[in-house]
PDB file of N, CA and C in Angstrom:
ATOM      1  N   UNK A   1       4.542  -4.577  39.344  1.00  0.00           N
ATOM      2  CA  UNK A   1       5.282  -3.851  41.004  1.00  0.00           C
ATOM      3  C   UNK A   1       5.645  -2.861  40.631  1.00  0.00           C
ATOM      4  N   UNK A   2       7.008  -2.765  40.199  1.00  0.00           N
ATOM      5  CA  UNK A   2       7.618  -1.746  39.679  1.00  0.00           C
ATOM      6  C   UNK A   2       7.038  -0.654  39.299  1.00  0.00           C
ATOM      7  N   UNK A   3       6.388  -0.838  38.098  1.00  0.00           N
ATOM      8  CA  UNK A   3       5.948   0.059  37.222  1.00  0.00           C
ATOM      9  C   UNK A   3       4.790   1.219  38.200  1.00  0.00           C
ATOM     10  N   UNK A   4       4.456   0.289  38.896  1.00  0.00           N
ATOM     11  CA  UNK A   4       3.285   0.597  39.982  1.00  0.00           C
ATOM     12  C   UNK A   4       4.263   1.602  40.827  1.00  0.00           C
ATOM     13  N   UNK A   5       5.348   1.279  41.419  1.00  0.00           N
ATOM     14  CA  UNK A   5       5.898   2.427  41.900  1.00  0.00           C
ATOM     15  C   UNK A   5       6.369   3.193  41.635  1.00  0.00           C
ATOM     16  N   UNK A   6       6.911   3.466  40.665  1.00  0.00           N
ATOM     17  CA  UNK A   6       7.874   4.383  39.322  1.00  0.00           C
ATOM     18  C   UNK A   6       6.296   5.247  38.951  1.00  0.00           C
ATOM     19  N   UNK A   7       5.271   4.909  39.002  1.00  0.00           N
ATOM     20  CA  UNK A   7       4.342   5.699  38.260  1.00  0.00           C
ATOM     21  C   UNK A   7       3.915   6.563  39.670  1.00  0.00           C
ATOM     22  N   UNK A   8       3.752   5.553  41.154  1.00  0.00           N
ATOM     23  CA  UNK A   8       3.296   6.536  42.048  1.00  0.00           C
ATOM     24  C   UNK A   8       4.416   7.792  42.453  1.00  0.00           C
ATOM     25  N   UNK A   9       5.720   7.738  42.383  1.00  0.00           N
ATOM     26  CA  UNK A   9       6.160   7.945  42.485  1.00  0.00           C
ATOM     27  C   UNK A   9       6.937   9.344  41.017  1.00  0.00           C
ATOM     28  N   UNK A  10       6.123   9.158  39.918  1.00  0.00           N
ATOM     29  CA  UNK A  10       6.609   9.915  39.083  1.00  0.00           C
ATOM     30  C   UNK A  10       5.676  11.458  39.272  1.00  0.00           C
ATOM     31  N   UNK A  11       4.335  10.513  39.802  1.00  0.00           N
ATOM     32  CA  UNK A  11       2.944  11.587  40.422  1.00  0.00           C
ATOM     33  C   UNK A  11       3.223  12.664  41.102  1.00  0.00           C
ATOM     34  N   UNK A  12       4.111  11.586  42.334  1.00  0.00           N
ATOM     35  CA  UNK A  12       4.468  12.507  43.758  1.00  0.00           C
ATOM     36  C   UNK A  12       5.557  13.875  43.138  1.00  0.00           C
ATOM     37  N   UNK A  13       6.548  13.442  41.554  1.00  0.00           N
ATOM     38  CA  UNK A  13       7.499  14.435  41.200  1.00  0.00           C
ATOM     39  C   UNK A  13       6.756  15.375  40.808  1.00  0.00           C
ATOM     40  N   UNK A  14       5.980  14.881  39.923  1.00  0.00           N
ATOM     41  CA  UNK A  14       5.112  16.021  39.317  1.00  0.00           C
ATOM     42  C   UNK A  14       4.574  17.019  40.048  1.00  0.00           C
ATOM     43  N   UNK A  15       3.823  16.171  40.853  1.00  0.00           N
ATOM     44  CA  UNK A  15       3.089  17.849  42.165  1.00  0.00           C
ATOM     45  C   UNK A  15       4.389  18.706  42.630  1.00  0.00           C
ATOM     46  N   UNK A  16       5.483  17.585  42.782  1.00  0.00           N
ATOM     47  CA  UNK A  16       5.975  18.283  43.904  1.00  0.00           C
ATOM     48  C   UNK A  16       6.656  19.872  42.710  1.00  0.00           C
ATOM     49  N   UNK A  17       6.522  19.384  41.448  1.00  0.00           N
ATOM     50  CA  UNK A  17       7.065  20.447  40.367  1.00  0.00           C
ATOM     51  C   UNK A  17       6.206  21.297  39.517  1.00  0.00           C
ATOM     52  N   UNK A  18       5.091  20.856  40.111  1.00  0.00           N
ATOM     53  CA  UNK A  18       4.052  21.988  39.999  1.00  0.00           C
ATOM     54  C   UNK A  18       4.002  22.698  40.866  1.00  0.00           C
ATOM     55  N   UNK A  19       4.037  23.085  41.892  1.00  0.00           N
ATOM     56  CA  UNK A  19       4.225  23.520  43.345  1.00  0.00           C
ATOM     57  C   UNK A  19       5.429  24.159  43.382  1.00  0.00           C
ATOM     58  N   UNK A  20       6.172  23.937  42.797  1.00  0.00           N
ATOM     59  CA  UNK A  20       8.003  24.433  42.371  1.00  0.00           C
ATOM     60  C   UNK A  20       9.260  24.255  43.147  1.00  0.00           C
ATOM     61  N   UNK A  21       8.281  22.876  44.050  1.00  0.00           N
ATOM     62  CA  UNK A  21       9.199  22.469  45.407  1.00  0.00           C
ATOM     63  C   UNK A  21       9.892  21.160  45.309  1.00  0.00           C
ATOM     64  N   UNK A  22      10.270  21.199  44.105  1.00  0.00           N
ATOM     65  CA  UNK A  22      11.319  20.689  43.501  1.00  0.00           C
ATOM     66  C   UNK A  22      12.752  20.286  43.843  1.00  0.00           C
ATOM     67  N   UNK A  23      13.599  19.609  44.602  1.00  0.00           N
ATOM     68  CA  UNK A  23      14.882  19.357  44.889  1.00  0.00           C
ATOM     69  C   UNK A  23      15.662  18.710  43.543  1.00  0.00           C
ATOM     70  N   UNK A  24      17.043  19.455  43.716  1.00  0.00           N
ATOM     71  CA  UNK A  24      17.785  19.117  42.627  1.00  0.00           C
ATOM     72  C   UNK A  24      18.021  17.907  42.791  1.00  0.00           C
ATOM     73  N   UNK A  25      17.912  17.049  43.543  1.00  0.00           N
ATOM     74  CA  UNK A  25      17.733  15.317  43.722  1.00  0.00           C
ATOM     75  C   UNK A  25      16.410  14.401  42.832  1.00  0.00           C
ATOM     76  N   UNK A  26      15.489  15.606  43.264  1.00  0.00           N
ATOM     77  CA  UNK A  26      14.044  15.173  42.640  1.00  0.00           C
ATOM     78  C   UNK A  26      13.888  15.385  41.222  1.00  0.00           C
ATOM     79  N   UNK A  27      14.751  16.659  40.973  1.00  0.00           N
ATOM     80  CA  UNK A  27      14.571  17.059  39.350  1.00  0.00           C
ATOM     81  C   UNK A  27      15.064  16.020  38.993  1.00  0.00           C
ATOM     82  N   UNK A  28      16.622  15.296  39.237  1.00  0.00           N
ATOM     83  CA  UNK A  28      17.103  14.014  38.533  1.00  0.00           C
ATOM     84  C   UNK A  28      16.472  13.449  38.166  1.00  0.00           C
ATOM     85  N   UNK A  29      16.009  13.074  39.423  1.00  0.00           N
ATOM     86  CA  UNK A  29      15.011  11.584  39.819  1.00  0.00           C
ATOM     87  C   UNK A  29      13.550  11.938  38.766  1.00  0.00           C
ATOM     88  N   UNK A  30      13.461  12.666  38.280  1.00  0.00           N
ATOM     89  CA  UNK A  30      12.298  12.968  37.335  1.00  0.00           C
ATOM     90  C   UNK A  30      13.119  12.428  36.379  1.00  0.00           C
ATOM     91  N   UNK A  31      13.631  13.196  35.695  1.00  0.00           N
ATOM     92  CA  UNK A  31      14.139  13.351  34.785  1.00  0.00           C
ATOM     93  C   UNK A  31      14.898  11.832  34.240  1.00  0.00           C
ATOM     94  N   UNK A  32      15.518  11.056  35.336  1.00  0.00           N
ATOM     95  CA  UNK A  32      15.632   9.738  35.022  1.00  0.00           C
ATOM     96  C   UNK A  32      14.619   8.950  35.142  1.00  0.00           C
ATOM     97  N   UNK A  33      13.068   9.099  35.508  1.00  0.00           N
ATOM     98  CA  UNK A  33      12.171   8.403  34.895  1.00  0.00           C
ATOM     99  C   UNK A  33      11.641   8.799  34.211  1.00  0.00           C
ATOM    100  N   UNK A  34      11.802  10.294  33.486  1.00  0.00           N
ATOM    101  CA  UNK A  34      11.255  10.163  32.075  1.00  0.00           C
ATOM    102  C   UNK A  34      11.828   9.758  30.912  1.00  0.00           C
ATOM    103  N   UNK A  35      13.192   9.652  31.225  1.00  0.00           N
ATOM    104  CA  UNK A  35      13.793   8.940  30.203  1.00  0.00           C
ATOM    105  C   UNK A  35      13.867   7.804  30.043  1.00  0.00           C
ATOM    106  N   UNK A  36      13.254   6.870  31.358  1.00  0.00           N
ATOM    107  CA  UNK A  36      13.680   5.370  31.191  1.00  0.00           C
ATOM    108  C   UNK A  36      12.139   4.623  30.612  1.00  0.00           C
ATOM    109  N   UNK A  37      11.322   6.264  30.729  1.00  0.00           N
ATOM    110  CA  UNK A  37       9.848   5.857  30.007  1.00  0.00           C
ATOM    111  C   UNK A  37       9.975   6.471  28.870  1.00  0.00           C
ATOM    112  N   UNK A  38      10.846   7.003  28.265  1.00  0.00           N
ATOM    113  CA  UNK A  38      11.103   7.360  27.290  1.00  0.00           C
ATOM    114  C   UNK A  38      11.621   5.959  26.251  1.00  0.00           C
ATOM    115  N   UNK A  39      12.646   5.431  26.723  1.00  0.00           N
ATOM    116  CA  UNK A  39      13.302   4.690  26.421  1.00  0.00           C
ATOM    117  C   UNK A  39      12.324   3.255  26.293  1.00  0.00           C
ATOM    118  N   UNK A  40      11.585   3.062  27.509  1.00  0.00           N
ATOM    119  CA  UNK A  40      10.687   1.671  27.215  1.00  0.00           C
ATOM    120  C   UNK A  40       9.529   2.173  26.143  1.00  0.00           C
ATOM    121  N   UNK A  41       8.906   3.160  25.967  1.00  0.00           N
ATOM    122  CA  UNK A  41       8.494   3.473  24.903  1.00  0.00           C
ATOM    123  C   UNK A  41       8.754   3.234  23.558  1.00  0.00           C
ATOM    124  N   UNK A  42       9.817   3.366  23.078  1.00  0.00           N
ATOM    125  CA  UNK A  42      10.769   4.329  22.007  1.00  0.00           C
ATOM    126  C   UNK A  42      11.127   1.810  21.420  1.00  0.00           C
ATOM    127  N   UNK A  43      11.404   1.109  22.333  1.00  0.00           N
ATOM    128  CA  UNK A  43      11.377  -0.098  22.646  1.00  0.00           C
ATOM    129  C   UNK A  43       9.943  -0.840  21.746  1.00  0.00           C
ATOM    130  N   UNK A  44       8.673  -0.008  23.240  1.00  0.00           N
ATOM    131  CA  UNK A  44       7.423  -0.699  22.175  1.00  0.00           C
ATOM    132  C   UNK A  44       7.146  -0.854  21.117  1.00  0.00           C
ATOM    133  N   UNK A  45       7.719   0.363  20.403  1.00  0.00           N
ATOM    134  CA  UNK A  45       6.817   0.720  19.675  1.00  0.00           C
ATOM    135  C   UNK A  45       7.671   0.632  18.366  1.00  0.00           C
ATOM    136  N   UNK A  46       8.843  -0.540  18.375  1.00  0.00           N
ATOM    137  CA  UNK A  46       9.946  -0.711  17.500  1.00  0.00           C
ATOM    138  C   UNK A  46       9.123  -2.076  16.616  1.00  0.00           C
ATOM    139  N   UNK A  47       8.422  -2.484  17.338  1.00  0.00           N
ATOM    140  CA  UNK A  47       7.499  -3.492  16.267  1.00  0.00           C
ATOM    141  C   UNK A  47       7.297  -3.140  15.367  1.00  0.00           C
ATOM    142  N   UNK A  48       5.750  -1.981  16.011  1.00  0.00           N
ATOM    143  CA  UNK A  48       4.957  -1.469  15.134  1.00  0.00           C
ATOM    144  C   UNK A  48       5.513  -0.126  14.000  1.00  0.00           C
ATOM    145  N   UNK A  49       6.664   0.364  14.589  1.00  0.00           N
ATOM    146  CA  UNK A  49       7.185   0.698  13.198  1.00  0.00           C
ATOM    147  C   UNK A  49       7.915   0.090  12.572  1.00  0.00           C
ATOM    148  N   UNK A  50       8.270  -1.175  12.377  1.00  0.00           N
ATOM    149  CA  UNK A  50       9.171  -1.604  11.541  1.00  0.00           C
ATOM    150  C   UNK A  50       7.632  -2.667  10.824  1.00  0.00           C
ATOM    151  N   UNK A  51       6.770  -2.673  10.896  1.00  0.00           N
ATOM    152  CA  UNK A  51       5.467  -3.456  10.395  1.00  0.00           C
ATOM    153  C   UNK A  51       5.249  -1.992   9.534  1.00  0.00           C
ATOM    154  N   UNK A  52       5.248  -0.802  10.205  1.00  0.00           N
ATOM    155  CA  UNK A  52       5.021   0.369   8.930  1.00  0.00           C
ATOM    156  C   UNK A  52       5.564   0.378   8.217  1.00  0.00           C
ATOM    157  N   UNK A  53       7.114   0.272   7.915  1.00  0.00           N
ATOM    158  CA  UNK A  53       7.847   0.209   7.412  1.00  0.00           C
ATOM    159  C   UNK A  53       7.454  -0.645   6.329  1.00  0.00           C
ATOM    160  N   UNK A  54       7.092  -1.991   6.553  1.00  0.00           N
ATOM    161  CA  UNK A  54       6.995  -2.966   5.831  1.00  0.00           C
ATOM    162  C   UNK A  54       6.123  -3.047   5.166  1.00  0.00           C
ATOM    163  N   UNK A  55       4.413  -2.162   5.475  1.00  0.00           N
ATOM    164  CA  UNK A  55       3.557  -2.360   5.015  1.00  0.00           C
ATOM    165  C   UNK A  55       4.000  -0.546   3.671  1.00  0.00           C
ATOM    166  N   UNK A  56       4.618   0.020   4.078  1.00  0.00           N
ATOM    167  CA  UNK A  56       4.823   1.290   3.427  1.00  0.00           C
ATOM    168  C   UNK A  56       5.838   0.593   2.492  1.00  0.00           C
ATOM    169  N   UNK A  57       6.379   0.095   2.533  1.00  0.00           N
ATOM    170  CA  UNK A  57       7.039  -1.305   1.425  1.00  0.00           C
ATOM    171  C   UNK A  57       6.376  -1.738   0.319  1.00  0.00           C
ATOM    172  N   UNK A  58       5.297  -2.618   0.989  1.00  0.00           N
ATOM    173  CA  UNK A  58       5.031  -3.534  -0.289  1.00  0.00           C
ATOM    174  C   UNK A  58       3.278  -2.116  -0.554  1.00  0.00           C
ATOM    175  N   UNK A  59       3.417  -1.355  -0.040  1.00  0.00           N
ATOM    176  CA  UNK A  59       2.522  -0.421  -0.795  1.00  0.00           C
ATOM    177  C   UNK A  59       2.848   0.203  -1.820  1.00  0.00           C
ATOM    178  N   UNK A  60       4.450   0.930  -2.314  1.00  0.00           N
ATOM    179  CA  UNK A  60       5.121   1.474  -3.010  1.00  0.00           C
ATOM    180  C   UNK A  60       5.334   0.186  -3.781  1.00  0.00           C
ATOM    181  N   UNK A  61       5.300  -0.890  -3.948  1.00  0.00           N
ATOM    182  CA  UNK A  61       5.131  -2.207  -4.899  1.00  0.00           C
ATOM    183  C   UNK A  61       4.513  -1.892  -5.670  1.00  0.00           C
ATOM    184  N   UNK A  62       2.940  -2.230  -4.590  1.00  0.00           N
ATOM    185  CA  UNK A  62       1.782  -2.285  -5.435  1.00  0.00           C
ATOM    186  C   UNK A  62       1.478  -1.339  -6.183  1.00  0.00           C
ATOM    187  N   UNK A  63       1.695  -0.225  -6.240  1.00  0.00           N
ATOM    188  CA  UNK A  63       1.531   1.197  -6.653  1.00  0.00           C
ATOM    189  C   UNK A  63       2.491   0.813  -7.927  1.00  0.00           C
ATOM    190  N   UNK A  64       3.805   0.557  -7.828  1.00  0.00           N
ATOM    191  CA  UNK A  64       4.224   0.558  -9.490  1.00  0.00           C
ATOM    192  C   UNK A  64       3.525  -0.049 -10.010  1.00  0.00           C
ATOM    193  N   UNK A  65       3.098  -1.334  -9.456  1.00  0.00           N
ATOM    194  CA  UNK A  65       2.196  -3.117  -9.901  1.00  0.00           C
ATOM    195  C   UNK A  65       1.015  -1.796 -10.162  1.00  0.00           C
ATOM    196  N   UNK A  66       0.766  -1.214 -10.371  1.00  0.00           N
ATOM    197  CA  UNK A  66      -0.592  -0.405 -10.876  1.00  0.00           C
ATOM    198  C   UNK A  66      -0.155   0.290 -11.932  1.00  0.00           C
ATOM    199  N   UNK A  67       0.444   0.908 -11.219  1.00  0.00           N
ATOM    200  CA  UNK A  67       0.687   2.145 -12.603  1.00  0.00           C
ATOM    201  C   UNK A  67       1.842   0.902 -13.546  1.00  0.00           C
ATOM    202  N   UNK A  68       2.317  -0.043 -13.779  1.00  0.00           N
ATOM    203  CA  UNK A  68       2.734  -0.216 -15.185  1.00  0.00           C
ATOM    204  C   UNK A  68       0.976  -1.385 -15.454  1.00  0.00           C
ATOM    205  N   UNK A  69       0.470  -1.309 -14.821  1.00  0.00           N
ATOM    206  CA  UNK A  69      -1.472  -2.183 -15.360  1.00  0.00           C
ATOM    207  C   UNK A  69      -1.711  -0.856 -15.869  1.00  0.00           C
ATOM    208  N   UNK A  70      -1.615  -0.031 -15.477  1.00  0.00           N
ATOM    209  CA  UNK A  70      -2.549   1.317 -16.105  1.00  0.00           C
ATOM    210  C   UNK A  70      -2.031   1.322 -17.519  1.00  0.00           C
ATOM    211  N   UNK A  71      -0.649   1.040 -17.839  1.00  0.00           N
ATOM    212  CA  UNK A  71       0.381   1.561 -19.036  1.00  0.00           C
ATOM    213  C   UNK A  71      -0.220   0.213 -19.898  1.00  0.00           C
ATOM    214  N   UNK A  72      -0.419  -1.232 -19.751  1.00  0.00           N
ATOM    215  CA  UNK A  72      -0.819  -1.997 -20.170  1.00  0.00           C
ATOM    216  C   UNK A  72      -2.622  -1.492 -21.208  1.00  0.00           C
ATOM    217  N   UNK A  73      -3.582  -1.163 -20.142  1.00  0.00           N
ATOM    218  CA  UNK A  73      -4.668  -0.774 -20.676  1.00  0.00           C
ATOM    219  C   UNK A  73      -4.898   0.391 -21.715  1.00  0.00           C
ATOM    220  N   UNK A  74      -4.028   0.680 -22.260  1.00  0.00           N
ATOM    221  CA  UNK A  74      -4.785   1.255 -23.604  1.00  0.00           C
ATOM    222  C   UNK A  74      -4.107   0.769 -24.737  1.00  0.00           C
ATOM    223  N   UNK A  75      -2.791   0.047 -24.118  1.00  0.00           N
ATOM    224  CA  UNK A  75      -1.815  -1.197 -25.580  1.00  0.00           C
ATOM    225  C   UNK A  75      -3.070  -2.325 -25.352  1.00  0.00           C
ATOM    226  N   UNK A  76      -3.738  -2.588 -24.501  1.00  0.00           N
ATOM    227  CA  UNK A  76      -4.460  -4.150 -24.695  1.00  0.00           C
ATOM    228  C   UNK A  76      -5.795  -3.146 -25.754  1.00  0.00           C
ATOM    229  N   UNK A  77      -6.601  -2.204 -25.523  1.00  0.00           N
ATOM    230  CA  UNK A  77      -7.751  -2.074 -26.048  1.00  0.00           C
ATOM    231  C   UNK A  77      -7.801  -1.732 -27.091  1.00  0.00           C
ATOM    232  N   UNK A  78      -5.674  -0.894 -27.788  1.00  0.00           N
ATOM    233  CA  UNK A  78      -5.863  -1.085 -28.906  1.00  0.00           C
ATOM    234  C   UNK A  78      -5.938  -2.034 -29.723  1.00  0.00           C
ATOM    235  N   UNK A  79      -5.444  -3.147 -28.691  1.00  0.00           N
ATOM    236  CA  UNK A  79      -5.181  -4.414 -29.732  1.00  0.00           C
ATOM    237  C   UNK A  79      -6.345  -5.431 -29.899  1.00  0.00           C
ATOM    238  N   UNK A  80      -6.982  -4.790 -29.388  1.00  0.00           N
ATOM    239  CA  UNK A  80      -8.702  -5.094 -29.315  1.00  0.00           C
ATOM    240  C   UNK A  80      -9.389  -4.513 -30.225  1.00  0.00           C
ATOM    241  N   UNK A  81      -9.275  -3.516 -30.405  1.00  0.00           N
ATOM    242  CA  UNK A  81     -10.151  -2.824 -31.246  1.00  0.00           C
ATOM    243  C   UNK A  81      -8.754  -3.381 -32.686  1.00  0.00           C
ATOM    244  N   UNK A  82      -7.849  -3.597 -32.665  1.00  0.00           N
ATOM    245  CA  UNK A  82      -7.306  -3.950 -34.236  1.00  0.00           C
ATOM    246  C   UNK A  82      -8.192  -5.710 -34.586  1.00  0.00           C
ATOM    247  N   UNK A  83      -7.863  -6.136 -33.704  1.00  0.00           N
ATOM    248  CA  UNK A  83      -8.820  -7.193 -33.786  1.00  0.00           C
ATOM    249  C   UNK A  83      -9.902  -7.596 -34.335  1.00  0.00           C
ATOM    250  N   UNK A  84     -10.920  -6.898 -33.485  1.00  0.00           N
ATOM    251  CA  UNK A  84     -12.188  -6.584 -34.338  1.00  0.00           C
ATOM    252  C   UNK A  84     -12.236  -5.860 -35.819  1.00  0.00           C
ATOM    253  N   UNK A  85     -11.516  -5.180 -35.766  1.00  0.00           N
ATOM    254  CA  UNK A  85     -11.285  -4.538 -37.688  1.00  0.00           C
ATOM    255  C   UNK A  85     -10.710  -5.510 -38.256  1.00  0.00           C
ATOM    256  N   UNK A  86      -9.550  -6.618 -37.839  1.00  0.00           N
ATOM    257  CA  UNK A  86      -9.186  -7.494 -38.820  1.00  0.00           C
ATOM    258  C   UNK A  86     -10.286  -8.440 -38.619  1.00  0.00           C
ATOM    259  N   UNK A  87     -10.557  -8.787 -37.997  1.00  0.00           N
ATOM    260  CA  UNK A  87     -12.315 -10.206 -38.012  1.00  0.00           C
ATOM    261  C   UNK A  87     -13.123  -9.321 -39.133  1.00  0.00           C
ATOM    262  N   UNK A  88     -13.646  -8.109 -38.677  1.00  0.00           N
ATOM    263  CA  UNK A  88     -15.098  -7.691 -40.016  1.00  0.00           C
ATOM    264  C   UNK A  88     -13.845  -7.456 -41.117  1.00  0.00           C
ATOM    265  N   UNK A  89     -12.889  -7.236 -41.364  1.00  0.00           N
ATOM    266  CA  UNK A  89     -12.551  -7.365 -42.651  1.00  0.00           C
ATOM    267  C   UNK A  89     -12.413  -8.751 -43.279  1.00  0.00           C
ATOM    268  N   UNK A  90     -11.970  -9.605 -42.095  1.00  0.00           N
ATOM    269  CA  UNK A  90     -11.523 -11.586 -42.367  1.00  0.00           C
ATOM    270  C   UNK A  90     -13.430 -11.848 -43.287  1.00  0.00           C
ATOM    271  N   UNK A  91     -14.407 -11.469 -42.428  1.00  0.00           N
ATOM    272  CA  UNK A  91     -15.578 -11.488 -42.498  1.00  0.00           C
ATOM    273  C   UNK A  91     -15.929 -11.473 -43.762  1.00  0.00           C
ATOM    274  N   UNK A  92     -15.927 -10.040 -43.703  1.00  0.00           N
ATOM    275  CA  UNK A  92     -16.266  -9.595 -45.922  1.00  0.00           C
ATOM    276  C   UNK A  92     -15.812 -10.182 -46.883  1.00  0.00           C
ATOM    277  N   UNK A  93     -14.140 -10.318 -46.266  1.00  0.00           N
ATOM    278  CA  UNK A  93     -13.561 -10.863 -47.997  1.00  0.00           C
ATOM    279  C   UNK A  93     -13.556 -12.443 -47.941  1.00  0.00           C
ATOM    280  N   UNK A  94     -14.008 -12.963 -46.262  1.00  0.00           N
ATOM    281  CA  UNK A  94     -15.090 -14.574 -46.801  1.00  0.00           C
ATOM    282  C   UNK A  94     -16.129 -14.581 -47.264  1.00  0.00           C
ATOM    283  N   UNK A  95     -16.977 -13.274 -47.180  1.00  0.00           N
ATOM    284  CA  UNK A  95     -18.646 -13.495 -47.783  1.00  0.00           C
ATOM    285  C   UNK A  95     -18.342 -13.239 -49.559  1.00  0.00           C
ATOM    286  N   UNK A  96     -16.890 -12.595 -49.902  1.00  0.00           N
ATOM    287  CA  UNK A  96     -17.217 -11.836 -51.159  1.00  0.00           C
ATOM    288  C   UNK A  96     -16.629 -12.956 -51.744  1.00  0.00           C
ATOM    289  N   UNK A  97     -15.548 -13.915 -50.846  1.00  0.00           N
ATOM    290  CA  UNK A  97     -15.046 -15.463 -51.781  1.00  0.00           C
ATOM    291  C   UNK A  97     -16.246 -15.976 -52.145  1.00  0.00           C
ATOM    292  N   UNK A  98     -16.879 -15.792 -50.917  1.00  0.00           N
ATOM    293  CA  UNK A  98     -17.910 -17.520 -51.066  1.00  0.00           C
ATOM    294  C   UNK A  98     -19.146 -16.696 -51.805  1.00  0.00           C
ATOM    295  N   UNK A  99     -19.059 -15.654 -52.031  1.00  0.00           N
ATOM    296  CA  UNK A  99     -20.578 -15.447 -52.835  1.00  0.00           C
ATOM    297  C   UNK A  99     -19.954 -15.521 -54.704  1.00  0.00           C
ATOM    298  N   UNK A 100     -18.480 -15.106 -55.133  1.00  0.00           N
ATOM    299  CA  UNK A 100     -17.481 -15.544 -55.873  1.00  0.00           C
ATOM    300  C   UNK A 100     -17.980 -17.166 -56.265  1.00  0.00           C
ATOM    301  N   UNK A 101     -17.221 -17.980 -55.256  1.00  0.00           N
ATOM    302  CA  UNK A 101     -17.416 -19.472 -55.718  1.00  0.00           C
ATOM    303  C   UNK A 101     -18.917 -19.839 -56.081  1.00  0.00           C
ATOM    304  N   UNK A 102     -20.126 -19.051 -55.366  1.00  0.00           N
ATOM    305  CA  UNK A 102     -21.652 -19.644 -54.917  1.00  0.00           C
ATOM    306  C   UNK A 102     -21.662 -19.379 -57.284  1.00  0.00           C
ATOM    307  N   UNK A 103     -20.868 -18.303 -57.745  1.00  0.00           N
ATOM    308  CA  UNK A 103     -21.601 -17.498 -58.582  1.00  0.00           C
ATOM    309  C   UNK A 103     -21.251 -18.621 -59.771  1.00  0.00           C
ATOM    310  N   UNK A 104     -19.507 -18.980 -59.525  1.00  0.00           N
ATOM    311  CA  UNK A 104     -19.031 -20.245 -60.186  1.00  0.00           C
ATOM    312  C   UNK A 104     -19.600 -21.661 -59.875  1.00  0.00           C
ATOM    313  N   UNK A 105     -20.135 -21.845 -59.179  1.00  0.00           N
ATOM    314  CA  UNK A 105     -20.358 -23.571 -58.994  1.00  0.00           C
ATOM    315  C   UNK A 105     -21.499 -23.337 -58.864  1.00  0.00           C
ATOM    316  N   UNK A 106     -22.188 -22.498 -58.043  1.00  0.00           N
ATOM    317  CA  UNK A 106     -23.618 -22.559 -57.714  1.00  0.00           C
ATOM    318  C   UNK A 106     -23.975 -23.424 -56.363  1.00  0.00           C
ATOM    319  N   UNK A 107     -22.821 -23.193 -55.567  1.00  0.00           N
ATOM    320  CA  UNK A 107     -22.537 -24.397 -54.634  1.00  0.00           C
ATOM    321  C   UNK A 107     -22.344 -23.067 -53.284  1.00  0.00           C
ATOM    322  N   UNK A 108     -22.653 -23.414 -52.377  1.00  0.00           N
ATOM    323  CA  UNK A 108     -22.425 -22.883 -51.139  1.00  0.00           C
ATOM    324  C   UNK A 108     -21.226 -23.900 -50.374  1.00  0.00           C
ATOM    325  N   UNK A 109     -20.381 -22.751 -49.923  1.00  0.00           N
ATOM    326  CA  UNK A 109     -19.324 -23.195 -49.106  1.00  0.00           C
ATOM    327  C   UNK A 109     -19.349 -23.453 -47.737  1.00  0.00           C
ATOM    328  N   UNK A 110     -19.408 -24.621 -47.060  1.00  0.00           N
ATOM    329  CA  UNK A 110     -19.614 -24.885 -46.008  1.00  0.00           C
ATOM    330  C   UNK A 110     -18.069 -24.777 -45.208  1.00  0.00           C
TER     331      UNK A 110
END
């Protein structure tokens, strides 16, 4: 009820202000109503601002993790390349040894 009365009074004062008929007392009343509305709005926005700050912090943390993961990717690719090269080299050496063994013994390595 208080808010509807205040809203109605605000509209009246705004109208009188637009007409240029606002008294000094009405001007003070209008300023007080507007200050009260500003205070209420700021209070109402506090949870949203707090959540926004928290989300921004989480975003920053995730961006840092992404950056660190992106640093790992090239190193991991190089590790895989090195492993493949080692595996190929290992298979070649094993085949060579198996061939020598076969030539010496006539038997296949199992």
